């Protein structure tokens, strides 16, 4: 009983550190959302920027805009009374925080990989790029990416473990290991590997062209 009472008392106090971290996170949220909203508006309103390659950039900006909104949830979580009354009382909100953090991070990584592959085709296979890459192809790739990201974001709402006697919004306790570790680790590792390989090939080709130019 005393442990539970001290636990509730701890969640009722807002320290200067809590307030400072919350303010910093909110400022970060404003910066991320405003910067990415500006990017989307700039591409939308500037005809010269409405290229096929910038479709990935615009979609990535939308992903990062959502990440900025997630920072608002993180800021709320940093306040002990809000954490107690919102995240510890409503597991759906806790799962929303966990899911969007993982899902949007994965979606951002997928976009970076799509951009890398797009640049590879544009630089290394320009004729193939002109024949294959169309608005429809890009729309299909982006749709698949968003389906994967949203699935990872919403999955915790279904697979989350219920709270125990003492509710704690901890991803290692609320979500299965295969979601928090295996699935996400394999996905992120695969995306990083593809990016490293693609950009290594591009840099190698650029180096060869530079050497050939100097020899001339």
N, C-alpha and C. Protein backbone atom coordinates (compact mmCIF):
# COMPACT_ATOMS: atom_id res chain seq x y z
N UNK A 1 0.83 -1.20 0.00
CA UNK A 1 0.00 0.00 0.00
C UNK A 1 0.88 1.26 0.00
N UNK A 2 1.94 1.25 0.82
CA UNK A 2 2.81 2.43 0.90
C UNK A 2 3.53 2.64 -0.42
N UNK A 3 3.92 1.54 -1.07
CA UNK A 3 4.60 1.65 -2.36
C UNK A 3 3.69 2.27 -3.40
N UNK A 4 2.43 1.82 -3.41
CA UNK A 4 1.45 2.35 -4.36
C UNK A 4 1.17 3.82 -4.08
N UNK A 5 1.15 4.20 -2.80
CA UNK A 5 0.90 5.59 -2.43
C UNK A 5 2.06 6.49 -2.86
N UNK A 6 3.30 6.04 -2.62
CA UNK A 6 4.46 6.84 -3.04
C UNK A 6 4.54 6.92 -4.55
N UNK A 7 4.08 5.87 -5.23
CA UNK A 7 4.05 5.85 -6.70
C UNK A 7 3.11 6.94 -7.22
N UNK A 8 1.93 7.06 -6.60
CA UNK A 8 0.96 8.08 -7.01
C UNK A 8 1.46 9.48 -6.67
N UNK A 9 2.12 9.61 -5.51
CA UNK A 9 2.65 10.92 -5.12
C UNK A 9 3.73 11.39 -6.10
N UNK A 10 4.55 10.44 -6.54
CA UNK A 10 5.62 10.78 -7.49
C UNK A 10 5.04 11.27 -8.80
N UNK A 11 3.92 10.68 -9.24
CA UNK A 11 3.30 11.07 -10.50
C UNK A 11 2.48 12.34 -10.37
N UNK A 12 2.35 12.87 -9.18
CA UNK A 12 1.60 14.11 -8.98
C UNK A 12 2.50 15.34 -8.97
N UNK A 13 3.81 15.13 -8.94
CA UNK A 13 4.75 16.24 -8.83
C UNK A 13 5.37 16.54 -10.19
N UNK A 14 5.44 17.84 -10.50
CA UNK A 14 6.09 18.29 -11.73
C UNK A 14 7.34 19.06 -11.34
N UNK A 15 8.48 18.50 -11.68
CA UNK A 15 9.74 19.14 -11.35
C UNK A 15 10.13 20.14 -12.42
N UNK A 16 11.14 20.93 -12.11
CA UNK A 16 11.65 21.90 -13.08
C UNK A 16 12.22 21.18 -14.31
N UNK A 17 12.82 20.02 -14.09
CA UNK A 17 13.35 19.24 -15.21
C UNK A 17 12.23 18.76 -16.12
N UNK A 18 11.14 18.29 -15.51
CA UNK A 18 9.98 17.86 -16.31
C UNK A 18 9.46 18.99 -17.17
N UNK A 19 9.31 20.16 -16.57
CA UNK A 19 8.78 21.32 -17.31
C UNK A 19 9.74 21.74 -18.43
N UNK A 20 11.04 21.71 -18.13
CA UNK A 20 12.02 22.11 -19.14
C UNK A 20 12.04 21.15 -20.32
N UNK A 21 12.02 19.84 -20.04
CA UNK A 21 12.01 18.85 -21.11
C UNK A 21 10.73 18.92 -21.93
N UNK A 22 9.62 19.19 -21.26
CA UNK A 22 8.34 19.31 -21.97
C UNK A 22 8.36 20.51 -22.91
N UNK A 23 8.86 21.65 -22.42
CA UNK A 23 8.95 22.85 -23.24
C UNK A 23 9.88 22.63 -24.43
N UNK A 24 11.02 21.98 -24.19
CA UNK A 24 11.97 21.71 -25.27
C UNK A 24 11.36 20.80 -26.32
N UNK A 25 10.62 19.79 -25.89
CA UNK A 25 9.99 18.86 -26.83
C UNK A 25 8.90 19.55 -27.63
N UNK A 26 8.14 20.44 -26.98
CA UNK A 26 7.11 21.18 -27.70
C UNK A 26 7.73 22.11 -28.75
N UNK A 27 8.84 22.75 -28.40
CA UNK A 27 9.54 23.59 -29.38
C UNK A 27 10.03 22.76 -30.56
N UNK A 28 10.53 21.57 -30.25
CA UNK A 28 10.98 20.67 -31.32
C UNK A 28 9.80 20.27 -32.20
N UNK A 29 8.65 20.03 -31.58
CA UNK A 29 7.45 19.66 -32.35
C UNK A 29 7.03 20.78 -33.28
N UNK A 30 7.06 22.03 -32.78
CA UNK A 30 6.70 23.18 -33.61
C UNK A 30 7.66 23.33 -34.78
N UNK A 31 8.95 23.15 -34.50
CA UNK A 31 9.96 23.28 -35.55
C UNK A 31 9.79 22.22 -36.63
N UNK A 32 9.59 20.96 -36.22
CA UNK A 32 9.47 19.86 -37.18
C UNK A 32 8.21 20.03 -38.03
N UNK A 33 7.08 20.31 -37.39
CA UNK A 33 5.84 20.43 -38.15
C UNK A 33 5.86 21.62 -39.09
N UNK A 34 6.36 22.76 -38.62
CA UNK A 34 6.38 23.95 -39.47
C UNK A 34 7.35 23.79 -40.64
N UNK A 35 8.52 23.20 -40.39
CA UNK A 35 9.51 23.02 -41.45
C UNK A 35 9.00 22.08 -42.53
N UNK A 36 8.38 21.00 -42.14
CA UNK A 36 7.90 20.04 -43.12
C UNK A 36 6.63 20.51 -43.82
N UNK A 37 5.80 21.26 -43.11
CA UNK A 37 4.62 21.85 -43.76
C UNK A 37 5.07 22.86 -44.82
N UNK A 38 6.12 23.62 -44.50
CA UNK A 38 6.67 24.57 -45.47
C UNK A 38 7.20 23.85 -46.70
N UNK A 39 7.84 22.70 -46.50
CA UNK A 39 8.35 21.92 -47.62
C UNK A 39 7.23 21.46 -48.54
N UNK A 40 6.18 20.94 -47.95
CA UNK A 40 5.04 20.46 -48.75
C UNK A 40 4.40 21.61 -49.52
N UNK A 41 4.20 22.74 -48.86
CA UNK A 41 3.58 23.89 -49.52
C UNK A 41 4.47 24.41 -50.64
N UNK A 42 5.79 24.44 -50.40
CA UNK A 42 6.72 24.93 -51.42
C UNK A 42 6.68 24.06 -52.67
N UNK A 43 6.65 22.74 -52.48
CA UNK A 43 6.59 21.84 -53.63
C UNK A 43 5.24 21.97 -54.33
N UNK A 44 4.19 22.11 -53.57
CA UNK A 44 2.85 22.19 -54.14
C UNK A 44 2.65 23.48 -54.94
N UNK A 45 3.20 24.59 -54.47
CA UNK A 45 2.95 25.89 -55.09
C UNK A 45 4.01 26.28 -56.13
N UNK A 46 5.08 25.50 -56.24
CA UNK A 46 6.15 25.82 -57.20
C UNK A 46 6.15 24.79 -58.32
N UNK A 47 5.72 25.14 -59.51
CA UNK A 47 5.67 24.16 -60.61
C UNK A 47 7.00 23.50 -60.91
N UNK A 48 8.10 24.26 -60.78
CA UNK A 48 9.41 23.70 -61.09
C UNK A 48 9.82 22.59 -60.12
N UNK A 49 9.22 22.58 -58.93
CA UNK A 49 9.56 21.57 -57.93
C UNK A 49 8.68 20.33 -58.01
N UNK A 50 7.66 20.36 -58.86
CA UNK A 50 6.75 19.22 -58.97
C UNK A 50 7.33 18.16 -59.91
N UNK A 51 8.44 17.59 -59.50
CA UNK A 51 9.09 16.55 -60.28
C UNK A 51 8.76 15.18 -59.68
N UNK A 52 9.07 14.13 -60.43
CA UNK A 52 8.81 12.78 -59.94
C UNK A 52 9.65 12.49 -58.69
N UNK A 53 10.90 12.92 -58.70
CA UNK A 53 11.76 12.68 -57.54
C UNK A 53 11.25 13.39 -56.30
N UNK A 54 10.71 14.59 -56.47
CA UNK A 54 10.22 15.34 -55.32
C UNK A 54 8.93 14.78 -54.75
N UNK A 55 8.32 13.84 -55.46
CA UNK A 55 7.14 13.17 -54.89
C UNK A 55 7.54 12.40 -53.63
N UNK A 56 8.72 11.78 -53.68
CA UNK A 56 9.23 11.09 -52.50
C UNK A 56 9.55 12.09 -51.38
N UNK A 57 10.13 13.22 -51.76
CA UNK A 57 10.49 14.24 -50.78
C UNK A 57 9.23 14.79 -50.10
N UNK A 58 8.20 15.04 -50.90
CA UNK A 58 6.95 15.56 -50.35
C UNK A 58 6.31 14.56 -49.40
N UNK A 59 6.30 13.29 -49.80
CA UNK A 59 5.74 12.26 -48.94
C UNK A 59 6.55 12.10 -47.66
N UNK A 60 7.89 12.19 -47.77
CA UNK A 60 8.74 12.12 -46.59
C UNK A 60 8.47 13.29 -45.65
N UNK A 61 8.21 14.47 -46.22
CA UNK A 61 7.88 15.64 -45.40
C UNK A 61 6.58 15.40 -44.63
N UNK A 62 5.63 14.73 -45.28
CA UNK A 62 4.38 14.40 -44.59
C UNK A 62 4.63 13.44 -43.42
N UNK A 63 5.52 12.47 -43.64
CA UNK A 63 5.88 11.55 -42.56
C UNK A 63 6.50 12.30 -41.39
N UNK A 64 7.45 13.17 -41.70
CA UNK A 64 8.11 13.93 -40.64
C UNK A 64 7.16 14.90 -39.96
N UNK A 65 6.15 15.38 -40.68
CA UNK A 65 5.12 16.22 -40.06
C UNK A 65 4.38 15.43 -38.99
N UNK A 66 4.07 14.17 -39.29
CA UNK A 66 3.41 13.31 -38.30
C UNK A 66 4.35 13.07 -37.12
N UNK A 67 5.64 12.91 -37.40
CA UNK A 67 6.62 12.75 -36.32
C UNK A 67 6.61 13.97 -35.40
N UNK A 68 6.45 15.15 -36.00
CA UNK A 68 6.34 16.35 -35.18
C UNK A 68 5.13 16.32 -34.27
N UNK A 69 4.02 15.79 -34.79
CA UNK A 69 2.82 15.65 -33.95
C UNK A 69 3.03 14.63 -32.84
N UNK A 70 3.80 13.58 -33.13
CA UNK A 70 4.11 12.58 -32.11
C UNK A 70 4.92 13.21 -30.98
N UNK A 71 5.74 14.20 -31.33
CA UNK A 71 6.53 14.89 -30.30
C UNK A 71 5.62 15.59 -29.29
N UNK A 72 4.44 15.99 -29.72
CA UNK A 72 3.47 16.58 -28.78
C UNK A 72 3.05 15.53 -27.76
N UNK A 73 2.80 14.30 -28.23
CA UNK A 73 2.46 13.20 -27.31
C UNK A 73 3.61 12.94 -26.34
N UNK A 74 4.83 12.98 -26.86
CA UNK A 74 6.00 12.77 -25.99
C UNK A 74 6.09 13.87 -24.94
N UNK A 75 5.81 15.11 -25.35
CA UNK A 75 5.84 16.22 -24.40
C UNK A 75 4.81 16.03 -23.30
N UNK A 76 3.63 15.57 -23.66
CA UNK A 76 2.60 15.30 -22.65
C UNK A 76 3.02 14.17 -21.72
N UNK A 77 3.68 13.16 -22.31
CA UNK A 77 4.12 12.02 -21.51
C UNK A 77 5.16 12.43 -20.46
N UNK A 78 5.92 13.47 -20.76
CA UNK A 78 6.97 13.91 -19.84
C UNK A 78 6.41 14.59 -18.59
N UNK A 79 5.14 14.98 -18.61
CA UNK A 79 4.51 15.60 -17.44
C UNK A 79 3.88 14.50 -16.59
N UNK A 80 4.37 14.25 -15.37
CA UNK A 80 3.87 13.14 -14.56
C UNK A 80 2.35 13.12 -14.36
N UNK A 81 1.67 14.25 -14.04
CA UNK A 81 0.22 14.17 -13.88
C UNK A 81 -0.51 13.76 -15.17
N UNK A 82 -0.04 14.28 -16.30
CA UNK A 82 -0.66 13.91 -17.58
C UNK A 82 -0.36 12.44 -17.89
N UNK A 83 0.85 12.03 -17.61
CA UNK A 83 1.22 10.63 -17.83
C UNK A 83 0.33 9.71 -17.00
N UNK A 84 0.06 10.11 -15.77
CA UNK A 84 -0.77 9.29 -14.88
C UNK A 84 -2.22 9.26 -15.35
N UNK A 85 -2.78 10.42 -15.69
CA UNK A 85 -4.22 10.52 -15.99
C UNK A 85 -4.56 10.16 -17.43
N UNK A 86 -3.58 10.24 -18.33
CA UNK A 86 -3.87 9.97 -19.73
C UNK A 86 -3.26 8.66 -20.20
N UNK A 87 -1.94 8.54 -20.12
CA UNK A 87 -1.26 7.36 -20.65
C UNK A 87 -1.43 6.13 -19.77
N UNK A 88 -1.49 6.33 -18.44
CA UNK A 88 -1.63 5.19 -17.54
C UNK A 88 -3.08 4.77 -17.34
N UNK A 89 -4.00 5.60 -17.74
CA UNK A 89 -5.42 5.26 -17.60
C UNK A 89 -6.02 4.78 -18.92
N UNK A 90 -5.41 5.12 -20.02
CA UNK A 90 -5.94 4.75 -21.34
C UNK A 90 -4.83 4.08 -22.14
N UNK A 91 -4.87 2.77 -22.21
CA UNK A 91 -3.80 2.04 -22.87
C UNK A 91 -3.78 2.33 -24.37
N UNK A 92 -4.91 2.75 -24.94
CA UNK A 92 -4.96 3.08 -26.36
C UNK A 92 -4.04 4.26 -26.68
N UNK A 93 -3.98 5.23 -25.76
CA UNK A 93 -3.10 6.38 -25.96
C UNK A 93 -1.64 5.96 -25.83
N UNK A 94 -1.37 5.08 -24.88
CA UNK A 94 -0.02 4.54 -24.72
C UNK A 94 0.41 3.79 -25.98
N UNK A 95 -0.48 2.95 -26.51
CA UNK A 95 -0.18 2.20 -27.72
C UNK A 95 -0.03 3.12 -28.92
N UNK A 96 -0.80 4.21 -28.94
CA UNK A 96 -0.67 5.18 -30.03
C UNK A 96 0.72 5.81 -30.03
N UNK A 97 1.21 6.14 -28.84
CA UNK A 97 2.55 6.71 -28.73
C UNK A 97 3.61 5.73 -29.21
N UNK A 98 3.53 4.50 -28.73
CA UNK A 98 4.51 3.49 -29.12
C UNK A 98 4.43 3.19 -30.62
N UNK A 99 3.22 3.01 -31.11
CA UNK A 99 3.05 2.62 -32.51
C UNK A 99 3.50 3.68 -33.49
N UNK A 100 3.11 4.93 -33.22
CA UNK A 100 3.47 5.99 -34.17
C UNK A 100 4.97 6.26 -34.16
N UNK A 101 5.61 6.11 -33.02
CA UNK A 101 7.06 6.30 -32.97
C UNK A 101 7.76 5.27 -33.84
N UNK A 102 7.36 4.01 -33.72
CA UNK A 102 8.00 2.95 -34.50
C UNK A 102 7.55 2.99 -35.95
N UNK A 103 6.24 3.14 -36.18
CA UNK A 103 5.71 3.12 -37.53
C UNK A 103 6.23 4.25 -38.39
N UNK A 104 6.24 5.48 -37.84
CA UNK A 104 6.71 6.62 -38.62
C UNK A 104 8.23 6.58 -38.82
N UNK A 105 8.95 6.03 -37.84
CA UNK A 105 10.40 5.88 -38.03
C UNK A 105 10.68 4.89 -39.16
N UNK A 106 9.93 3.79 -39.17
CA UNK A 106 10.09 2.81 -40.24
C UNK A 106 9.69 3.40 -41.58
N UNK A 107 8.60 4.16 -41.60
CA UNK A 107 8.14 4.78 -42.85
C UNK A 107 9.15 5.79 -43.36
N UNK A 108 9.77 6.54 -42.46
CA UNK A 108 10.81 7.48 -42.86
C UNK A 108 12.00 6.75 -43.47
N UNK A 109 12.38 5.62 -42.87
CA UNK A 109 13.47 4.83 -43.42
C UNK A 109 13.13 4.26 -44.79
N UNK A 110 11.90 3.84 -44.98
CA UNK A 110 11.47 3.32 -46.29
C UNK A 110 11.56 4.41 -47.34
N UNK A 111 11.15 5.62 -46.97
CA UNK A 111 11.23 6.74 -47.91
C UNK A 111 12.68 7.04 -48.28
N UNK A 112 13.57 7.01 -47.31
CA UNK A 112 14.98 7.25 -47.60
C UNK A 112 15.53 6.20 -48.57
N UNK A 113 15.06 4.96 -48.40
CA UNK A 113 15.48 3.89 -49.30
C UNK A 113 14.92 4.10 -50.70
N UNK A 114 13.66 4.51 -50.79
CA UNK A 114 13.06 4.79 -52.10
C UNK A 114 13.80 5.92 -52.81
N UNK A 115 14.18 6.94 -52.05
CA UNK A 115 14.93 8.06 -52.63
C UNK A 115 16.29 7.58 -53.12
N UNK A 116 16.94 6.71 -52.34
CA UNK A 116 18.24 6.19 -52.73
C UNK A 116 18.14 5.37 -54.02
N UNK A 117 17.16 4.50 -54.11
CA UNK A 117 16.98 3.69 -55.32
C UNK A 117 16.63 4.58 -56.51
N UNK A 118 15.80 5.59 -56.27
CA UNK A 118 15.44 6.52 -57.34
C UNK A 118 16.68 7.23 -57.88
N UNK A 119 17.56 7.69 -56.98
CA UNK A 119 18.78 8.37 -57.42
C UNK A 119 19.71 7.40 -58.15
N UNK A 120 19.74 6.16 -57.68
CA UNK A 120 20.58 5.16 -58.35
C UNK A 120 20.12 4.96 -59.80
N UNK A 121 18.83 4.79 -60.01
CA UNK A 121 18.32 4.59 -61.36
C UNK A 121 18.53 5.84 -62.22
N UNK A 122 18.34 7.00 -61.62
CA UNK A 122 18.48 8.25 -62.36
C UNK A 122 19.92 8.48 -62.82
N UNK A 123 20.87 8.11 -61.95
CA UNK A 123 22.28 8.36 -62.26
C UNK A 123 22.91 7.21 -63.06
N UNK A 124 22.63 5.97 -62.63
CA UNK A 124 23.30 4.82 -63.22
C UNK A 124 22.55 4.23 -64.41
N UNK A 125 21.24 4.36 -64.45
CA UNK A 125 20.43 3.80 -65.53
C UNK A 125 19.45 4.85 -66.03
N UNK A 126 19.94 5.94 -66.59
CA UNK A 126 19.05 7.05 -66.98
C UNK A 126 18.00 6.67 -68.02
N UNK A 127 18.38 5.83 -68.99
CA UNK A 127 17.42 5.43 -70.02
C UNK A 127 16.32 4.54 -69.44
N UNK A 128 16.72 3.63 -68.56
CA UNK A 128 15.74 2.79 -67.88
C UNK A 128 14.83 3.63 -66.99
N UNK A 129 15.41 4.64 -66.33
CA UNK A 129 14.64 5.53 -65.46
C UNK A 129 13.54 6.23 -66.23
N UNK A 130 13.86 6.73 -67.41
CA UNK A 130 12.87 7.46 -68.22
C UNK A 130 11.75 6.55 -68.70
N UNK A 131 12.06 5.28 -68.94
CA UNK A 131 11.05 4.35 -69.44
C UNK A 131 10.17 3.78 -68.33
N UNK A 132 10.78 3.53 -67.18
CA UNK A 132 10.08 2.78 -66.13
C UNK A 132 9.42 3.68 -65.10
N UNK A 133 10.12 4.71 -64.64
CA UNK A 133 9.62 5.53 -63.54
C UNK A 133 8.55 6.49 -64.05
N UNK A 134 7.32 6.26 -63.63
CA UNK A 134 6.19 7.10 -64.00
C UNK A 134 5.44 7.51 -62.73
N UNK A 135 4.46 8.35 -62.92
CA UNK A 135 3.64 8.78 -61.78
C UNK A 135 2.94 7.58 -61.15
N UNK A 136 2.46 6.68 -61.97
CA UNK A 136 1.76 5.50 -61.44
C UNK A 136 2.70 4.61 -60.63
N UNK A 137 3.92 4.41 -61.12
CA UNK A 137 4.88 3.57 -60.40
C UNK A 137 5.22 4.18 -59.05
N UNK A 138 5.47 5.48 -59.04
CA UNK A 138 5.79 6.15 -57.78
C UNK A 138 4.60 6.09 -56.82
N UNK A 139 3.40 6.26 -57.35
CA UNK A 139 2.20 6.19 -56.50
C UNK A 139 2.06 4.81 -55.86
N UNK A 140 2.38 3.76 -56.62
CA UNK A 140 2.30 2.40 -56.08
C UNK A 140 3.32 2.21 -54.97
N UNK A 141 4.56 2.64 -55.21
CA UNK A 141 5.60 2.49 -54.19
C UNK A 141 5.27 3.26 -52.92
N UNK A 142 4.78 4.49 -53.08
CA UNK A 142 4.44 5.30 -51.91
C UNK A 142 3.24 4.71 -51.17
N UNK A 143 2.29 4.16 -51.90
CA UNK A 143 1.12 3.54 -51.26
C UNK A 143 1.55 2.34 -50.43
N UNK A 144 2.43 1.50 -50.99
CA UNK A 144 2.92 0.34 -50.25
C UNK A 144 3.68 0.80 -49.00
N UNK A 145 4.49 1.84 -49.14
CA UNK A 145 5.26 2.34 -48.00
C UNK A 145 4.33 2.82 -46.89
N UNK A 146 3.30 3.58 -47.25
CA UNK A 146 2.38 4.09 -46.25
C UNK A 146 1.56 2.97 -45.60
N UNK A 147 1.22 1.95 -46.36
CA UNK A 147 0.49 0.82 -45.78
C UNK A 147 1.35 0.13 -44.72
N UNK A 148 2.63 -0.07 -45.04
CA UNK A 148 3.53 -0.70 -44.06
C UNK A 148 3.68 0.18 -42.82
N UNK A 149 3.89 1.48 -43.02
CA UNK A 149 4.06 2.39 -41.89
C UNK A 149 2.82 2.47 -41.00
N UNK A 150 1.66 2.59 -41.63
CA UNK A 150 0.41 2.68 -40.85
C UNK A 150 0.09 1.37 -40.15
N UNK A 151 0.44 0.24 -40.78
CA UNK A 151 0.21 -1.06 -40.14
C UNK A 151 1.05 -1.18 -38.88
N UNK A 152 2.32 -0.81 -38.98
CA UNK A 152 3.18 -0.84 -37.80
C UNK A 152 2.72 0.14 -36.73
N UNK A 153 2.12 1.26 -37.16
CA UNK A 153 1.65 2.26 -36.20
C UNK A 153 0.39 1.81 -35.46
N UNK A 154 -0.49 1.13 -36.16
CA UNK A 154 -1.77 0.74 -35.57
C UNK A 154 -1.75 -0.64 -34.93
N UNK A 155 -0.74 -1.44 -35.26
CA UNK A 155 -0.67 -2.81 -34.74
C UNK A 155 -0.66 -2.87 -33.21
N UNK A 156 0.02 -1.95 -32.51
CA UNK A 156 -0.01 -2.01 -31.04
C UNK A 156 -1.40 -1.91 -30.43
N UNK A 157 -2.34 -1.31 -31.13
CA UNK A 157 -3.70 -1.23 -30.61
C UNK A 157 -4.33 -2.61 -30.47
N UNK A 158 -3.82 -3.57 -31.25
CA UNK A 158 -4.39 -4.92 -31.26
C UNK A 158 -3.59 -5.88 -30.39
N UNK A 159 -2.26 -5.72 -30.39
CA UNK A 159 -1.40 -6.71 -29.74
C UNK A 159 -0.91 -6.28 -28.37
N UNK A 160 -1.31 -5.08 -27.91
CA UNK A 160 -0.80 -4.59 -26.62
C UNK A 160 -1.28 -5.46 -25.46
N UNK A 161 -0.36 -5.68 -24.50
CA UNK A 161 -0.74 -6.40 -23.29
C UNK A 161 -1.47 -5.44 -22.35
N UNK A 162 -2.50 -5.90 -21.64
CA UNK A 162 -3.24 -5.00 -20.74
C UNK A 162 -2.40 -4.58 -19.55
N UNK A 163 -2.80 -3.47 -18.93
CA UNK A 163 -2.12 -2.99 -17.73
C UNK A 163 -2.33 -3.96 -16.58
N UNK A 164 -1.34 -4.00 -15.69
CA UNK A 164 -1.47 -4.79 -14.48
C UNK A 164 -2.03 -3.96 -13.35
N UNK A 165 -1.71 -4.35 -12.13
CA UNK A 165 -2.22 -3.61 -10.97
C UNK A 165 -1.64 -2.21 -10.91
N UNK A 166 -0.39 -2.06 -11.36
CA UNK A 166 0.25 -0.75 -11.44
C UNK A 166 0.49 -0.43 -12.91
N UNK A 167 -0.32 0.44 -13.51
CA UNK A 167 -0.18 0.71 -14.95
C UNK A 167 1.10 1.48 -15.26
N UNK A 168 1.84 0.98 -16.21
CA UNK A 168 3.07 1.62 -16.66
C UNK A 168 3.11 1.57 -18.18
N UNK A 169 3.26 2.74 -18.80
CA UNK A 169 3.30 2.81 -20.27
C UNK A 169 4.73 2.57 -20.73
N UNK A 170 5.15 1.32 -20.67
CA UNK A 170 6.51 0.92 -21.04
C UNK A 170 6.40 -0.03 -22.23
N UNK A 171 7.05 0.33 -23.33
CA UNK A 171 6.91 -0.47 -24.55
C UNK A 171 7.45 -1.89 -24.37
N UNK A 172 8.45 -2.07 -23.51
CA UNK A 172 9.00 -3.41 -23.30
C UNK A 172 8.03 -4.29 -22.51
N UNK A 173 7.09 -3.68 -21.80
CA UNK A 173 6.11 -4.45 -21.04
C UNK A 173 4.76 -4.57 -21.76
N UNK A 174 4.44 -3.57 -22.57
CA UNK A 174 3.13 -3.54 -23.21
C UNK A 174 3.10 -4.25 -24.57
N UNK A 175 4.24 -4.27 -25.28
CA UNK A 175 4.25 -4.83 -26.63
C UNK A 175 5.07 -6.13 -26.67
N UNK A 176 4.67 -7.07 -27.54
CA UNK A 176 5.41 -8.33 -27.67
C UNK A 176 6.83 -8.10 -28.18
N UNK A 177 7.71 -9.04 -27.86
CA UNK A 177 9.11 -8.92 -28.25
C UNK A 177 9.25 -8.94 -29.77
N UNK A 178 8.43 -9.76 -30.45
CA UNK A 178 8.57 -9.86 -31.91
C UNK A 178 8.25 -8.55 -32.60
N UNK A 179 7.42 -7.72 -31.95
CA UNK A 179 7.11 -6.41 -32.55
C UNK A 179 8.18 -5.38 -32.20
N UNK A 180 8.53 -5.31 -30.94
CA UNK A 180 9.46 -4.26 -30.49
C UNK A 180 10.90 -4.53 -30.89
N UNK A 181 11.24 -5.78 -31.13
CA UNK A 181 12.64 -6.08 -31.42
C UNK A 181 12.83 -6.73 -32.78
N UNK A 182 12.30 -7.93 -32.96
CA UNK A 182 12.62 -8.70 -34.16
C UNK A 182 12.14 -8.03 -35.44
N UNK A 183 10.84 -7.71 -35.50
CA UNK A 183 10.29 -7.13 -36.72
C UNK A 183 10.96 -5.80 -37.07
N UNK A 184 11.04 -4.92 -36.10
CA UNK A 184 11.60 -3.59 -36.35
C UNK A 184 13.10 -3.65 -36.62
N UNK A 185 13.82 -4.52 -35.89
CA UNK A 185 15.26 -4.63 -36.10
C UNK A 185 15.57 -5.15 -37.50
N UNK A 186 14.86 -6.17 -37.92
CA UNK A 186 15.08 -6.72 -39.26
C UNK A 186 14.77 -5.69 -40.33
N UNK A 187 13.67 -4.96 -40.15
CA UNK A 187 13.28 -3.95 -41.13
C UNK A 187 14.32 -2.83 -41.22
N UNK A 188 14.70 -2.28 -40.07
CA UNK A 188 15.68 -1.19 -40.06
C UNK A 188 17.04 -1.65 -40.60
N UNK A 189 17.45 -2.86 -40.24
CA UNK A 189 18.73 -3.38 -40.73
C UNK A 189 18.71 -3.54 -42.24
N UNK A 190 17.61 -4.06 -42.77
CA UNK A 190 17.49 -4.24 -44.22
C UNK A 190 17.51 -2.90 -44.94
N UNK A 191 16.80 -1.91 -44.40
CA UNK A 191 16.78 -0.58 -45.03
C UNK A 191 18.17 0.06 -45.01
N UNK A 192 18.86 -0.05 -43.88
CA UNK A 192 20.21 0.52 -43.78
C UNK A 192 21.15 -0.16 -44.75
N UNK A 193 21.04 -1.49 -44.89
CA UNK A 193 21.91 -2.23 -45.80
C UNK A 193 21.69 -1.80 -47.24
N UNK A 194 20.43 -1.66 -47.63
CA UNK A 194 20.12 -1.24 -49.00
C UNK A 194 20.67 0.16 -49.26
N UNK A 195 20.48 1.08 -48.31
CA UNK A 195 20.98 2.45 -48.48
C UNK A 195 22.50 2.48 -48.61
N UNK A 196 23.18 1.72 -47.77
CA UNK A 196 24.64 1.69 -47.83
C UNK A 196 25.12 1.15 -49.17
N UNK A 197 24.52 0.07 -49.63
CA UNK A 197 24.92 -0.53 -50.91
C UNK A 197 24.67 0.43 -52.06
N UNK A 198 23.47 1.00 -52.11
CA UNK A 198 23.10 1.88 -53.22
C UNK A 198 24.01 3.10 -53.29
N UNK A 199 24.19 3.79 -52.16
CA UNK A 199 25.02 4.99 -52.17
C UNK A 199 26.50 4.66 -52.37
N UNK A 200 26.94 3.48 -51.95
CA UNK A 200 28.31 3.07 -52.21
C UNK A 200 28.54 2.89 -53.70
N UNK A 201 27.58 2.28 -54.39
CA UNK A 201 27.69 2.11 -55.84
C UNK A 201 27.70 3.47 -56.54
N UNK A 202 26.84 4.38 -56.08
CA UNK A 202 26.79 5.71 -56.69
C UNK A 202 28.12 6.46 -56.47
N UNK A 203 28.65 6.42 -55.25
CA UNK A 203 29.91 7.09 -54.96
C UNK A 203 31.06 6.48 -55.75
N UNK A 204 31.04 5.15 -55.88
CA UNK A 204 32.09 4.48 -56.65
C UNK A 204 32.04 4.92 -58.11
N UNK A 205 30.84 4.98 -58.68
CA UNK A 205 30.69 5.42 -60.07
C UNK A 205 31.11 6.87 -60.23
N UNK A 206 30.75 7.71 -59.26
CA UNK A 206 31.14 9.12 -59.32
C UNK A 206 32.65 9.27 -59.23
N UNK A 207 33.29 8.45 -58.40
CA UNK A 207 34.75 8.50 -58.29
C UNK A 207 35.43 8.09 -59.58
N UNK A 208 34.91 7.06 -60.22
CA UNK A 208 35.49 6.62 -61.50
C UNK A 208 35.34 7.70 -62.57
N UNK A 209 34.18 8.35 -62.60
CA UNK A 209 33.98 9.39 -63.58
C UNK A 209 34.91 10.58 -63.31
N UNK A 210 35.15 10.88 -62.05
CA UNK A 210 36.03 12.00 -61.69
C UNK A 210 37.46 11.69 -62.10
N UNK A 211 37.89 10.46 -61.87
CA UNK A 211 39.24 10.07 -62.27
C UNK A 211 39.38 10.13 -63.78
N UNK A 212 38.36 9.65 -64.50
CA UNK A 212 38.40 9.71 -65.97
C UNK A 212 38.43 11.12 -66.47
N UNK A 213 37.70 12.01 -65.82
CA UNK A 213 37.70 13.43 -66.22
C UNK A 213 39.07 14.06 -65.99
N UNK A 214 39.73 13.72 -64.87
CA UNK A 214 41.05 14.30 -64.58
C UNK A 214 42.10 13.79 -65.55
N UNK A 215 41.97 12.53 -65.97
CA UNK A 215 42.92 11.97 -66.91
C UNK A 215 42.81 12.64 -68.28
N UNK A 216 41.60 13.07 -68.62
CA UNK A 216 41.43 13.77 -69.89
C UNK A 216 42.08 15.15 -69.86
